Amino acid sequence: MLTRLSLLIAVAALVLATSQAGALLLTFDDLTEDHDYATITYPGVTFRDISGGLLQVDTCVPGAPLAGQDVFSLNFASPDSRFQADFSIPGVNSVSVDLGDYGVDEDQIHLEAYGANNALLAWGSDVLPSNLEGGRTLSVAAADISYVRFWAVGYQDGNSVFFDNFQYHGQGIPEVPEPASLALLGLACGGIGMILKRRKKA
């Protein structure tokens, strides 16, 4: 009875250790500086400006939490400018992004998550004050996010905002195991091995 219970515990630990949802953080620091992109594609996600504007990678970041390289739209003055990130993997359940500016004017920043049927699933917003040279982080969470849109509305220009540190989570995203998960996996495998060894001796 004890052996069966031990086996069940070991198997449960193994399943828990190998079924963690993954997360991917994109900093855009690997892209070519000052290059213009119609789209920017990473494993599982593609970025674009829905107004058709080109995306440019910039090293002149406004300030924390943005760092390294960030991205902005060359069509920022258009009232139709919106950044969109389309996911090509299933199971995305949360997204966060840093949006920043140089503090010339006050900007209202927005992040919206949509499902496969274009239904609005979740949204978040904040304000970048006119005296802030830097940014804020917006986050949304919902089941089965197909794409997100994020942008700013300023008093002087349209979508004149930079984005950086785009992170998304979900079951379809591979993740490098954390030390705790590796320890749990090792414990589970070791426990199963000891149980099988005892059974052979018996």
Protein backbone atom coordinates (compact mmCIF):
# COMPACT_ATOMS: atom_id res chain seq x y z
CA MET A 1 0.00 0.00 0.00
CA LEU A 2 2.82 2.36 0.94
CA THR A 3 4.65 1.53 -2.29
CA ARG A 4 1.58 2.36 -4.38
CA LEU A 5 1.10 5.65 -2.54
CA SER A 6 4.75 6.53 -3.05
CA LEU A 7 4.46 5.73 -6.74
CA LEU A 8 1.38 7.94 -7.10
CA ILE A 9 3.13 10.83 -5.34
CA ALA A 10 6.21 10.45 -7.54
CA VAL A 11 4.13 10.38 -10.73
CA ALA A 12 2.15 13.44 -9.60
CA ALA A 13 5.38 15.31 -8.93
CA LEU A 14 6.68 14.31 -12.37
CA VAL A 15 3.53 15.59 -14.09
CA LEU A 16 3.65 18.85 -12.12
CA ALA A 17 7.29 19.42 -12.96
CA THR A 18 6.82 18.89 -16.69
CA SER A 19 3.48 20.67 -17.20
CA GLN A 20 4.35 24.21 -16.17
CA ALA A 21 3.13 26.95 -18.47
CA GLY A 22 5.93 28.64 -20.38
CA ALA A 23 6.78 32.31 -20.70
CA LEU A 24 8.73 34.25 -23.31
CA LEU A 25 10.21 37.75 -22.87
CA LEU A 26 11.12 39.76 -25.99
CA THR A 27 13.47 42.73 -25.53
CA PHE A 28 14.10 43.37 -29.27
CA ASP A 29 17.81 43.83 -28.56
CA ASP A 30 18.68 41.20 -31.19
CA LEU A 31 17.17 43.25 -34.04
CA THR A 32 19.13 45.52 -36.40
CA GLU A 33 19.43 49.06 -35.02
CA ASP A 34 17.54 51.79 -36.93
CA HIS A 35 16.13 49.20 -39.33
CA ASP A 36 12.56 49.49 -40.66
CA TYR A 37 10.29 46.44 -40.56
CA ALA A 38 6.87 45.85 -42.10
CA THR A 39 6.50 43.09 -39.51
CA ILE A 40 8.68 41.73 -36.70
CA THR A 41 8.39 38.00 -36.17
CA TYR A 42 9.55 35.82 -33.29
CA PRO A 43 8.61 32.20 -32.53
CA GLY A 44 4.91 32.27 -31.81
CA VAL A 45 4.21 35.97 -32.39
CA THR A 46 4.31 38.62 -35.14
CA PHE A 47 4.19 42.40 -34.59
CA ARG A 48 2.84 45.02 -37.01
CA ASP A 49 1.17 48.42 -37.16
CA ILE A 50 -2.41 47.89 -38.30
CA SER A 51 -2.34 51.27 -40.12
CA GLY A 52 0.35 49.88 -42.42
CA GLY A 53 3.15 51.96 -40.95
CA LEU A 54 6.66 50.56 -40.72
CA LEU A 55 8.12 49.59 -37.37
CA GLN A 56 11.55 50.99 -36.51
CA VAL A 57 14.01 49.64 -33.97
CA ASP A 58 15.58 52.41 -31.89
CA THR A 59 18.37 52.60 -29.31
CA CYS A 60 17.28 55.99 -27.96
CA VAL A 61 14.99 54.72 -25.24
CA PRO A 62 12.95 57.19 -23.14
CA GLY A 63 13.87 55.59 -19.80
CA ALA A 64 13.00 52.78 -17.41
CA PRO A 65 11.47 50.25 -17.62
CA LEU A 66 12.40 50.44 -21.33
CA ALA A 67 16.07 49.61 -21.96
CA GLY A 68 18.45 48.54 -24.72
CA GLN A 69 16.44 48.72 -27.94
CA ASP A 70 12.76 49.50 -28.34
CA VAL A 71 10.28 49.76 -31.22
CA PHE A 72 8.05 52.55 -32.51
CA SER A 73 5.88 53.20 -35.56
CA LEU A 74 6.98 55.53 -38.35
CA ASN A 75 3.28 56.21 -38.91
CA PHE A 76 2.76 57.40 -35.33
CA ALA A 77 0.95 60.59 -36.41
CA SER A 78 -1.89 58.58 -37.93
CA PRO A 79 -5.02 58.32 -35.75
CA ASP A 80 -5.36 54.73 -37.03
CA SER A 81 -1.92 53.65 -35.78
CA ARG A 82 -2.08 50.66 -33.41
CA PHE A 83 0.53 48.03 -32.60
CA GLN A 84 -0.77 44.49 -32.97
CA ALA A 85 0.86 41.23 -31.86
CA ASP A 86 -0.64 38.13 -33.51
CA PHE A 87 0.00 34.80 -31.77
CA SER A 88 0.53 31.68 -33.89
CA ILE A 89 0.49 29.32 -30.91
CA PRO A 90 -2.52 28.26 -28.83
CA GLY A 91 -3.02 28.71 -25.11
CA VAL A 92 -1.67 32.24 -24.57
CA ASN A 93 -3.25 33.42 -21.32
CA SER A 94 -1.43 36.60 -20.29
CA VAL A 95 0.51 39.41 -21.93
CA SER A 96 2.47 42.38 -20.65
CA VAL A 97 4.32 45.18 -22.45
CA ASP A 98 6.24 48.33 -21.48
CA LEU A 99 5.09 51.52 -23.21
CA GLY A 100 7.07 54.75 -22.89
CA ASP A 101 7.62 58.26 -24.19
CA TYR A 102 9.85 61.30 -23.68
CA GLY A 103 7.37 63.32 -21.64
CA VAL A 104 6.58 66.01 -24.23
CA ASP A 105 2.86 65.58 -23.63
CA GLU A 106 0.52 63.40 -21.61
CA ASP A 107 -0.25 60.03 -23.20
CA GLN A 108 -3.05 57.60 -22.45
CA ILE A 109 -1.73 54.08 -23.05
CA HIS A 110 -3.91 51.07 -23.80
CA LEU A 111 -3.58 47.28 -24.12
CA GLU A 112 -6.42 45.07 -25.38
CA ALA A 113 -6.57 41.27 -25.75
CA TYR A 114 -8.80 39.56 -28.34
CA GLY A 115 -9.95 36.00 -28.98
CA ALA A 116 -10.08 34.07 -32.26
CA ASN A 117 -13.55 35.48 -33.01
CA ASN A 118 -12.27 39.07 -32.52
CA ALA A 119 -14.11 39.34 -29.21
CA LEU A 120 -12.52 41.69 -26.69
CA LEU A 121 -11.34 39.50 -23.78
CA ALA A 122 -9.49 41.90 -21.48
CA TRP A 123 -8.02 45.39 -21.45
CA GLY A 124 -5.83 47.68 -19.40
CA SER A 125 -4.88 51.36 -19.53
CA ASP A 126 -2.72 53.92 -17.77
CA VAL A 127 -1.39 57.46 -18.20
CA LEU A 128 2.12 58.62 -19.04
CA PRO A 129 2.37 62.08 -17.42
CA SER A 130 3.87 64.95 -19.42
CA ASN A 131 6.82 65.12 -16.98
CA LEU A 132 7.71 61.40 -17.26
CA GLU A 133 10.64 60.39 -19.44
CA GLY A 134 10.13 56.65 -19.26
CA GLY A 135 7.26 54.23 -19.32
CA ARG A 136 4.72 52.05 -17.58
CA THR A 137 3.88 48.36 -17.83
CA LEU A 138 0.45 47.23 -18.99
CA SER A 139 -0.79 43.66 -18.46
CA VAL A 140 -3.85 41.62 -19.43
CA ALA A 141 -4.92 38.07 -18.65
CA ALA A 142 -7.56 35.90 -20.33
CA ALA A 143 -7.92 32.38 -21.71
CA ASP A 144 -6.90 31.70 -25.33
CA ILE A 145 -5.68 35.12 -26.43
CA SER A 146 -5.28 35.25 -30.23
CA TYR A 147 -3.85 38.75 -30.51
CA VAL A 148 -3.32 41.96 -28.58
CA ARG A 149 -3.37 45.62 -29.59
CA PHE A 150 -1.53 48.36 -27.74
CA TRP A 151 -1.07 52.07 -28.42
CA ALA A 152 -1.01 55.58 -26.98
CA VAL A 153 -3.25 58.59 -27.45
CA GLY A 154 -1.36 61.86 -26.97
CA TYR A 155 -2.43 65.48 -27.08
CA GLN A 156 0.18 66.46 -29.68
CA ASP A 157 0.64 63.35 -31.85
CA GLY A 158 -1.10 60.06 -32.46
CA ASN A 159 0.51 56.77 -31.43
CA SER A 160 3.83 58.40 -30.48
CA VAL A 161 4.90 55.73 -28.02
CA PHE A 162 7.74 53.22 -27.84
CA PHE A 163 7.31 49.60 -26.76
CA ASP A 164 9.70 47.12 -25.17
CA ASN A 165 9.85 44.03 -22.93
CA PHE A 166 6.91 42.21 -24.48
CA GLN A 167 6.14 39.08 -22.44
CA TYR A 168 3.54 36.39 -22.93
CA HIS A 169 2.61 33.22 -21.05
CA GLY A 170 0.77 30.06 -22.03
CA GLN A 171 0.72 26.30 -22.30
CA GLY A 172 1.96 26.36 -25.90
CA ILE A 173 5.19 28.17 -25.05
CA PRO A 174 8.37 26.18 -24.32
CA GLU A 175 10.15 27.30 -21.19
CA VAL A 176 13.59 26.68 -19.75
CA PRO A 177 12.83 24.88 -16.45
CA GLU A 178 13.43 26.89 -13.29
CA PRO A 179 15.68 25.40 -10.58
CA ALA A 180 12.66 24.49 -8.44
CA SER A 181 11.04 22.64 -11.34
CA LEU A 182 14.29 20.81 -12.10
CA ALA A 183 14.59 19.79 -8.45
CA LEU A 184 11.00 18.53 -8.44
CA LEU A 185 11.61 16.60 -11.65
CA GLY A 186 14.77 15.04 -10.22
CA LEU A 187 12.95 14.08 -7.02
CA ALA A 188 10.12 12.47 -8.97
CA CYS A 189 12.47 10.49 -11.23
CA GLY A 190 14.55 9.40 -8.24
CA GLY A 191 11.46 8.27 -6.35
CA ILE A 192 10.16 6.25 -9.27
CA GLY A 193 13.60 4.68 -9.73
CA MET A 194 13.80 3.60 -6.07
CA ILE A 195 10.31 2.10 -6.18
CA LEU A 196 11.08 0.10 -9.31
CA LYS A 197 14.37 -1.10 -7.78
CA ARG A 198 12.57 -2.32 -4.66
CA ARG A 199 10.03 -4.16 -6.78
CA LYS A 200 12.79 -5.95 -8.69
CA LYS A 201 14.43 -7.06 -5.43
CA ALA A 202 11.08 -8.33 -4.16
